[in-house]
PDB file of N, CA and C in Angstrom:
ATOM      1  N   UNK A   1      91.807  79.078  -1.680  1.00  0.00           N
ATOM      2  CA  UNK A   1      90.752  78.345  -0.904  1.00  0.00           C
ATOM      3  C   UNK A   1      89.856  78.982  -2.541  1.00  0.00           C
ATOM      4  N   UNK A   2      89.837  79.849  -3.807  1.00  0.00           N
ATOM      5  CA  UNK A   2      89.256  79.120  -4.555  1.00  0.00           C
ATOM      6  C   UNK A   2      88.788  78.597  -5.220  1.00  0.00           C
ATOM      7  N   UNK A   3      90.209  77.382  -5.047  1.00  0.00           N
ATOM      8  CA  UNK A   3      90.004  76.173  -5.961  1.00  0.00           C
ATOM      9  C   UNK A   3      89.370  75.213  -4.715  1.00  0.00           C
ATOM     10  N   UNK A   4      89.374  75.239  -3.443  1.00  0.00           N
ATOM     11  CA  UNK A   4      88.378  73.952  -3.284  1.00  0.00           C
ATOM     12  C   UNK A   4      87.081  74.068  -3.137  1.00  0.00           C
ATOM     13  N   UNK A   5      87.698  72.074  -3.086  1.00  0.00           N
ATOM     14  CA  UNK A   5      86.405  71.239  -3.832  1.00  0.00           C
ATOM     15  C   UNK A   5      85.365  71.210  -2.463  1.00  0.00           C
ATOM     16  N   UNK A   6      84.542  72.028  -2.297  1.00  0.00           N
ATOM     17  CA  UNK A   6      84.403  71.662  -0.252  1.00  0.00           C
ATOM     18  C   UNK A   6      82.692  70.987  -0.849  1.00  0.00           C
ATOM     19  N   UNK A   7      82.052  70.829  -1.805  1.00  0.00           N
ATOM     20  CA  UNK A   7      81.031  69.773  -2.487  1.00  0.00           C
ATOM     21  C   UNK A   7      80.929  68.840  -1.659  1.00  0.00           C
ATOM     22  N   UNK A   8      79.370  68.333  -1.119  1.00  0.00           N
ATOM     23  CA  UNK A   8      79.111  66.977  -1.167  1.00  0.00           C
ATOM     24  C   UNK A   8      79.172  65.895  -1.535  1.00  0.00           C
ATOM     25  N   UNK A   9      80.122  64.586  -1.234  1.00  0.00           N
ATOM     26  CA  UNK A   9      79.795  63.789  -2.432  1.00  0.00           C
ATOM     27  C   UNK A   9      78.129  63.357  -2.048  1.00  0.00           C
ATOM     28  N   UNK A  10      77.931  62.598  -3.532  1.00  0.00           N
ATOM     29  CA  UNK A  10      76.502  62.181  -3.423  1.00  0.00           C
ATOM     30  C   UNK A  10      75.860  60.949  -2.468  1.00  0.00           C
ATOM     31  N   UNK A  11      75.307  60.338  -2.222  1.00  0.00           N
ATOM     32  CA  UNK A  11      74.691  59.272  -1.454  1.00  0.00           C
ATOM     33  C   UNK A  11      74.405  58.289  -2.824  1.00  0.00           C
ATOM     34  N   UNK A  12      74.880  57.538  -2.111  1.00  0.00           N
ATOM     35  CA  UNK A  12      74.886  56.033  -3.546  1.00  0.00           C
ATOM     36  C   UNK A  12      73.566  55.706  -3.466  1.00  0.00           C
ATOM     37  N   UNK A  13      72.654  55.740  -4.348  1.00  0.00           N
ATOM     38  CA  UNK A  13      71.134  54.947  -4.649  1.00  0.00           C
ATOM     39  C   UNK A  13      71.029  54.029  -4.134  1.00  0.00           C
ATOM     40  N   UNK A  14      72.062  52.404  -4.577  1.00  0.00           N
ATOM     41  CA  UNK A  14      71.912  51.160  -4.763  1.00  0.00           C
ATOM     42  C   UNK A  14      71.493  50.847  -3.213  1.00  0.00           C
ATOM     43  N   UNK A  15      71.949  51.669  -1.856  1.00  0.00           N
ATOM     44  CA  UNK A  15      71.465  50.870  -1.174  1.00  0.00           C
ATOM     45  C   UNK A  15      70.366  50.980  -0.570  1.00  0.00           C
ATOM     46  N   UNK A  16      69.257  52.260  -1.754  1.00  0.00           N
ATOM     47  CA  UNK A  16      67.823  52.199  -0.869  1.00  0.00           C
ATOM     48  C   UNK A  16      67.200  51.807  -2.542  1.00  0.00           C
ATOM     49  N   UNK A  17      66.635  50.735  -1.668  1.00  0.00           N
ATOM     50  CA  UNK A  17      66.209  50.231  -3.236  1.00  0.00           C
ATOM     51  C   UNK A  17      64.560  51.349  -3.633  1.00  0.00           C
ATOM     52  N   UNK A  18      64.223  51.454  -5.148  1.00  0.00           N
ATOM     53  CA  UNK A  18      62.832  52.558  -5.228  1.00  0.00           C
ATOM     54  C   UNK A  18      61.726  51.566  -4.174  1.00  0.00           C
ATOM     55  N   UNK A  19      60.227  52.600  -4.850  1.00  0.00           N
ATOM     56  CA  UNK A  19      59.915  52.525  -3.903  1.00  0.00           C
ATOM     57  C   UNK A  19      58.687  52.292  -4.677  1.00  0.00           C
ATOM     58  N   UNK A  20      57.888  51.278  -5.125  1.00  0.00           N
ATOM     59  CA  UNK A  20      56.905  51.050  -6.332  1.00  0.00           C
ATOM     60  C   UNK A  20      55.676  50.844  -5.863  1.00  0.00           C
ATOM     61  N   UNK A  21      54.608  51.176  -4.551  1.00  0.00           N
ATOM     62  CA  UNK A  21      54.004  50.656  -4.418  1.00  0.00           C
ATOM     63  C   UNK A  21      52.986  52.123  -3.980  1.00  0.00           C
ATOM     64  N   UNK A  22      51.906  51.985  -4.196  1.00  0.00           N
ATOM     65  CA  UNK A  22      51.220  52.941  -4.343  1.00  0.00           C
ATOM     66  C   UNK A  22      50.398  53.479  -2.938  1.00  0.00           C
ATOM     67  N   UNK A  23      49.930  51.628  -2.199  1.00  0.00           N
ATOM     68  CA  UNK A  23      49.142  51.307  -1.008  1.00  0.00           C
ATOM     69  C   UNK A  23      49.846  52.314  -0.234  1.00  0.00           C
ATOM     70  N   UNK A  24      51.162  52.522  -0.156  1.00  0.00           N
ATOM     71  CA  UNK A  24      51.399  53.062   1.237  1.00  0.00           C
ATOM     72  C   UNK A  24      51.327  55.082   1.023  1.00  0.00           C
ATOM     73  N   UNK A  25      50.992  55.926  -0.188  1.00  0.00           N
ATOM     74  CA  UNK A  25      50.736  57.083  -0.142  1.00  0.00           C
ATOM     75  C   UNK A  25      49.591  56.789  -0.044  1.00  0.00           C
ATOM     76  N   UNK A  26      48.428  56.033  -0.267  1.00  0.00           N
ATOM     77  CA  UNK A  26      47.498  56.128  -0.024  1.00  0.00           C
ATOM     78  C   UNK A  26      47.113  56.129   0.631  1.00  0.00           C
ATOM     79  N   UNK A  27      48.047  55.735   1.447  1.00  0.00           N
ATOM     80  CA  UNK A  27      47.269  54.993   3.089  1.00  0.00           C
ATOM     81  C   UNK A  27      47.986  55.971   4.143  1.00  0.00           C
ATOM     82  N   UNK A  28      48.743  57.327   3.658  1.00  0.00           N
ATOM     83  CA  UNK A  28      49.054  58.324   3.700  1.00  0.00           C
ATOM     84  C   UNK A  28      47.976  59.487   3.572  1.00  0.00           C
ATOM     85  N   UNK A  29      47.546  59.819   2.911  1.00  0.00           N
ATOM     86  CA  UNK A  29      46.504  60.310   2.484  1.00  0.00           C
ATOM     87  C   UNK A  29      45.390  60.541   3.525  1.00  0.00           C
ATOM     88  N   UNK A  30      45.139  59.026   3.675  1.00  0.00           N
ATOM     89  CA  UNK A  30      44.647  58.897   4.551  1.00  0.00           C
ATOM     90  C   UNK A  30      44.325  59.244   5.678  1.00  0.00           C
ATOM     91  N   UNK A  31      45.690  58.960   6.458  1.00  0.00           N
ATOM     92  CA  UNK A  31      45.843  58.818   7.893  1.00  0.00           C
ATOM     93  C   UNK A  31      46.443  60.767   7.798  1.00  0.00           C
ATOM     94  N   UNK A  32      46.605  61.501   6.775  1.00  0.00           N
ATOM     95  CA  UNK A  32      46.177  63.365   6.968  1.00  0.00           C
ATOM     96  C   UNK A  32      44.242  63.259   6.958  1.00  0.00           C
ATOM     97  N   UNK A  33      44.075  63.134   6.254  1.00  0.00           N
ATOM     98  CA  UNK A  33      42.360  63.263   5.928  1.00  0.00           C
ATOM     99  C   UNK A  33      42.116  63.289   6.956  1.00  0.00           C
ATOM    100  N   UNK A  34      41.614  62.172   7.730  1.00  0.00           N
ATOM    101  CA  UNK A  34      41.310  61.731   8.975  1.00  0.00           C
ATOM    102  C   UNK A  34      41.473  62.548  10.421  1.00  0.00           C
ATOM    103  N   UNK A  35      42.854  62.940   9.779  1.00  0.00           N
ATOM    104  CA  UNK A  35      43.813  63.777  11.076  1.00  0.00           C
ATOM    105  C   UNK A  35      42.830  65.167  11.403  1.00  0.00           C
ATOM    106  N   UNK A  36      42.831  65.475   9.385  1.00  0.00           N
ATOM    107  CA  UNK A  36      41.818  66.828   9.848  1.00  0.00           C
ATOM    108  C   UNK A  36      41.004  66.944  10.047  1.00  0.00           C
ATOM    109  N   UNK A  37      40.249  65.549   9.703  1.00  0.00           N
ATOM    110  CA  UNK A  37      38.848  65.848  10.412  1.00  0.00           C
ATOM    111  C   UNK A  37      38.679  65.358  11.966  1.00  0.00           C
ATOM    112  N   UNK A  38      39.640  64.756  12.150  1.00  0.00           N
ATOM    113  CA  UNK A  38      38.911  64.913  13.805  1.00  0.00           C
ATOM    114  C   UNK A  38      39.835  65.581  14.184  1.00  0.00           C
ATOM    115  N   UNK A  39      40.709  67.168  14.085  1.00  0.00           N
ATOM    116  CA  UNK A  39      40.903  68.283  14.417  1.00  0.00           C
ATOM    117  C   UNK A  39      40.001  68.756  14.206  1.00  0.00           C
ATOM    118  N   UNK A  40      39.486  69.023  13.228  1.00  0.00           N
ATOM    119  CA  UNK A  40      38.467  69.911  13.551  1.00  0.00           C
ATOM    120  C   UNK A  40      37.306  69.880  13.829  1.00  0.00           C
ATOM    121  N   UNK A  41      36.812  68.445  14.033  1.00  0.00           N
ATOM    122  CA  UNK A  41      35.349  67.702  14.995  1.00  0.00           C
ATOM    123  C   UNK A  41      35.823  68.539  16.864  1.00  0.00           C
ATOM    124  N   UNK A  42      37.515  68.259  16.860  1.00  0.00           N
ATOM    125  CA  UNK A  42      38.010  68.478  18.431  1.00  0.00           C
ATOM    126  C   UNK A  42      37.293  69.731  18.746  1.00  0.00           C
ATOM    127  N   UNK A  43      37.896  70.704  17.666  1.00  0.00           N
ATOM    128  CA  UNK A  43      38.262  71.482  17.790  1.00  0.00           C
ATOM    129  C   UNK A  43      37.183  72.389  18.505  1.00  0.00           C
ATOM    130  N   UNK A  44      35.777  71.853  17.728  1.00  0.00           N
ATOM    131  CA  UNK A  44      34.970  71.998  17.716  1.00  0.00           C
ATOM    132  C   UNK A  44      33.462  71.447  18.665  1.00  0.00           C
ATOM    133  N   UNK A  45      34.050  71.031  19.205  1.00  0.00           N
ATOM    134  CA  UNK A  45      33.758  70.529  20.976  1.00  0.00           C
ATOM    135  C   UNK A  45      33.989  71.482  21.843  1.00  0.00           C
ATOM    136  N   UNK A  46      35.458  71.212  21.073  1.00  0.00           N
ATOM    137  CA  UNK A  46      36.360  72.353  23.126  1.00  0.00           C
ATOM    138  C   UNK A  46      35.490  74.169  22.623  1.00  0.00           C
ATOM    139  N   UNK A  47      34.882  74.568  21.686  1.00  0.00           N
ATOM    140  CA  UNK A  47      34.919  75.587  21.252  1.00  0.00           C
ATOM    141  C   UNK A  47      32.660  75.126  21.757  1.00  0.00           C
ATOM    142  N   UNK A  48      32.165  74.245  21.495  1.00  0.00           N
ATOM    143  CA  UNK A  48      31.075  74.303  22.025  1.00  0.00           C
ATOM    144  C   UNK A  48      31.129  74.529  23.871  1.00  0.00           C
ATOM    145  N   UNK A  49      31.548  73.701  23.594  1.00  0.00           N
ATOM    146  CA  UNK A  49      31.566  73.333  25.265  1.00  0.00           C
ATOM    147  C   UNK A  49      31.943  74.882  26.147  1.00  0.00           C
ATOM    148  N   UNK A  50      33.427  75.645  25.655  1.00  0.00           N
ATOM    149  CA  UNK A  50      34.101  76.799  26.202  1.00  0.00           C
ATOM    150  C   UNK A  50      32.183  78.252  26.474  1.00  0.00           C
ATOM    151  N   UNK A  51      32.038  77.820  24.774  1.00  0.00           N
ATOM    152  CA  UNK A  51      30.391  78.652  24.910  1.00  0.00           C
ATOM    153  C   UNK A  51      29.546  78.077  25.673  1.00  0.00           C
ATOM    154  N   UNK A  52      29.658  76.808  25.903  1.00  0.00           N
ATOM    155  CA  UNK A  52      28.193  76.808  26.514  1.00  0.00           C
ATOM    156  C   UNK A  52      29.440  77.152  28.498  1.00  0.00           C
ATOM    157  N   UNK A  53      29.957  76.960  29.305  1.00  0.00           N
ATOM    158  CA  UNK A  53      30.556  77.170  29.896  1.00  0.00           C
ATOM    159  C   UNK A  53      30.013  78.872  30.213  1.00  0.00           C
ATOM    160  N   UNK A  54      30.801  79.878  29.001  1.00  0.00           N
ATOM    161  CA  UNK A  54      30.397  80.576  29.542  1.00  0.00           C
ATOM    162  C   UNK A  54      28.799  81.614  29.478  1.00  0.00           C
ATOM    163  N   UNK A  55      27.950  80.534  28.457  1.00  0.00           N
ATOM    164  CA  UNK A  55      26.945  81.102  28.456  1.00  0.00           C
ATOM    165  C   UNK A  55      26.796  80.588  29.990  1.00  0.00           C
ATOM    166  N   UNK A  56      27.075  79.964  30.963  1.00  0.00           N
ATOM    167  CA  UNK A  56      25.836  78.980  31.866  1.00  0.00           C
ATOM    168  C   UNK A  56      27.288  80.595  33.084  1.00  0.00           C
ATOM    169  N   UNK A  57      27.817  80.934  33.122  1.00  0.00           N
ATOM    170  CA  UNK A  57      28.959  81.911  34.023  1.00  0.00           C
ATOM    171  C   UNK A  57      28.437  82.862  33.496  1.00  0.00           C
ATOM    172  N   UNK A  58      27.621  82.931  32.583  1.00  0.00           N
ATOM    173  CA  UNK A  58      26.616  84.239  32.346  1.00  0.00           C
ATOM    174  C   UNK A  58      25.127  83.998  33.033  1.00  0.00           C
ATOM    175  N   UNK A  59      24.504  83.575  32.798  1.00  0.00           N
ATOM    176  CA  UNK A  59      23.320  82.863  33.868  1.00  0.00           C
ATOM    177  C   UNK A  59      23.742  83.322  34.641  1.00  0.00           C
ATOM    178  N   UNK A  60      24.170  82.442  35.075  1.00  0.00           N
ATOM    179  CA  UNK A  60      25.143  82.165  36.187  1.00  0.00           C
ATOM    180  C   UNK A  60      24.694  84.376  36.816  1.00  0.00           C
ATOM    181  N   UNK A  61      25.443  84.832  36.878  1.00  0.00           N
ATOM    182  CA  UNK A  61      25.491  85.838  36.806  1.00  0.00           C
ATOM    183  C   UNK A  61      24.471  86.826  37.367  1.00  0.00           C
ATOM    184  N   UNK A  62      23.708  86.827  35.951  1.00  0.00           N
ATOM    185  CA  UNK A  62      22.825  86.963  35.620  1.00  0.00           C
ATOM    186  C   UNK A  62      21.950  87.192  37.103  1.00  0.00           C
ATOM    187  N   UNK A  63      21.613  86.196  36.935  1.00  0.00           N
ATOM    188  CA  UNK A  63      20.896  84.870  38.560  1.00  0.00           C
ATOM    189  C   UNK A  63      21.322  84.876  39.412  1.00  0.00           C
ATOM    190  N   UNK A  64      22.414  85.257  39.943  1.00  0.00           N
ATOM    191  CA  UNK A  64      22.846  85.312  40.978  1.00  0.00           C
ATOM    192  C   UNK A  64      22.999  87.537  41.697  1.00  0.00           C
ATOM    193  N   UNK A  65      22.985  87.760  40.640  1.00  0.00           N
ATOM    194  CA  UNK A  65      23.933  88.751  41.261  1.00  0.00           C
ATOM    195  C   UNK A  65      22.739  89.465  41.351  1.00  0.00           C
ATOM    196  N   UNK A  66      21.370  89.148  40.794  1.00  0.00           N
ATOM    197  CA  UNK A  66      20.780  90.453  41.230  1.00  0.00           C
ATOM    198  C   UNK A  66      19.879  90.321  41.866  1.00  0.00           C
TER     199      UNK A  66
END
């Protein structure tokens, strides 16, 4: 049990050609930046809609409750 060689073999790197283009990495950076921006914009719009709805509900209860 002590001398068992249970380590995995390394994958052969001959099958995978090395990537040299930086264009793909730049595209990924732009996609992440656009996703963060659009996600923040969507969250802001949801917060704005929720705040407007809450204000209308409060105004409605004050108007119709009295």
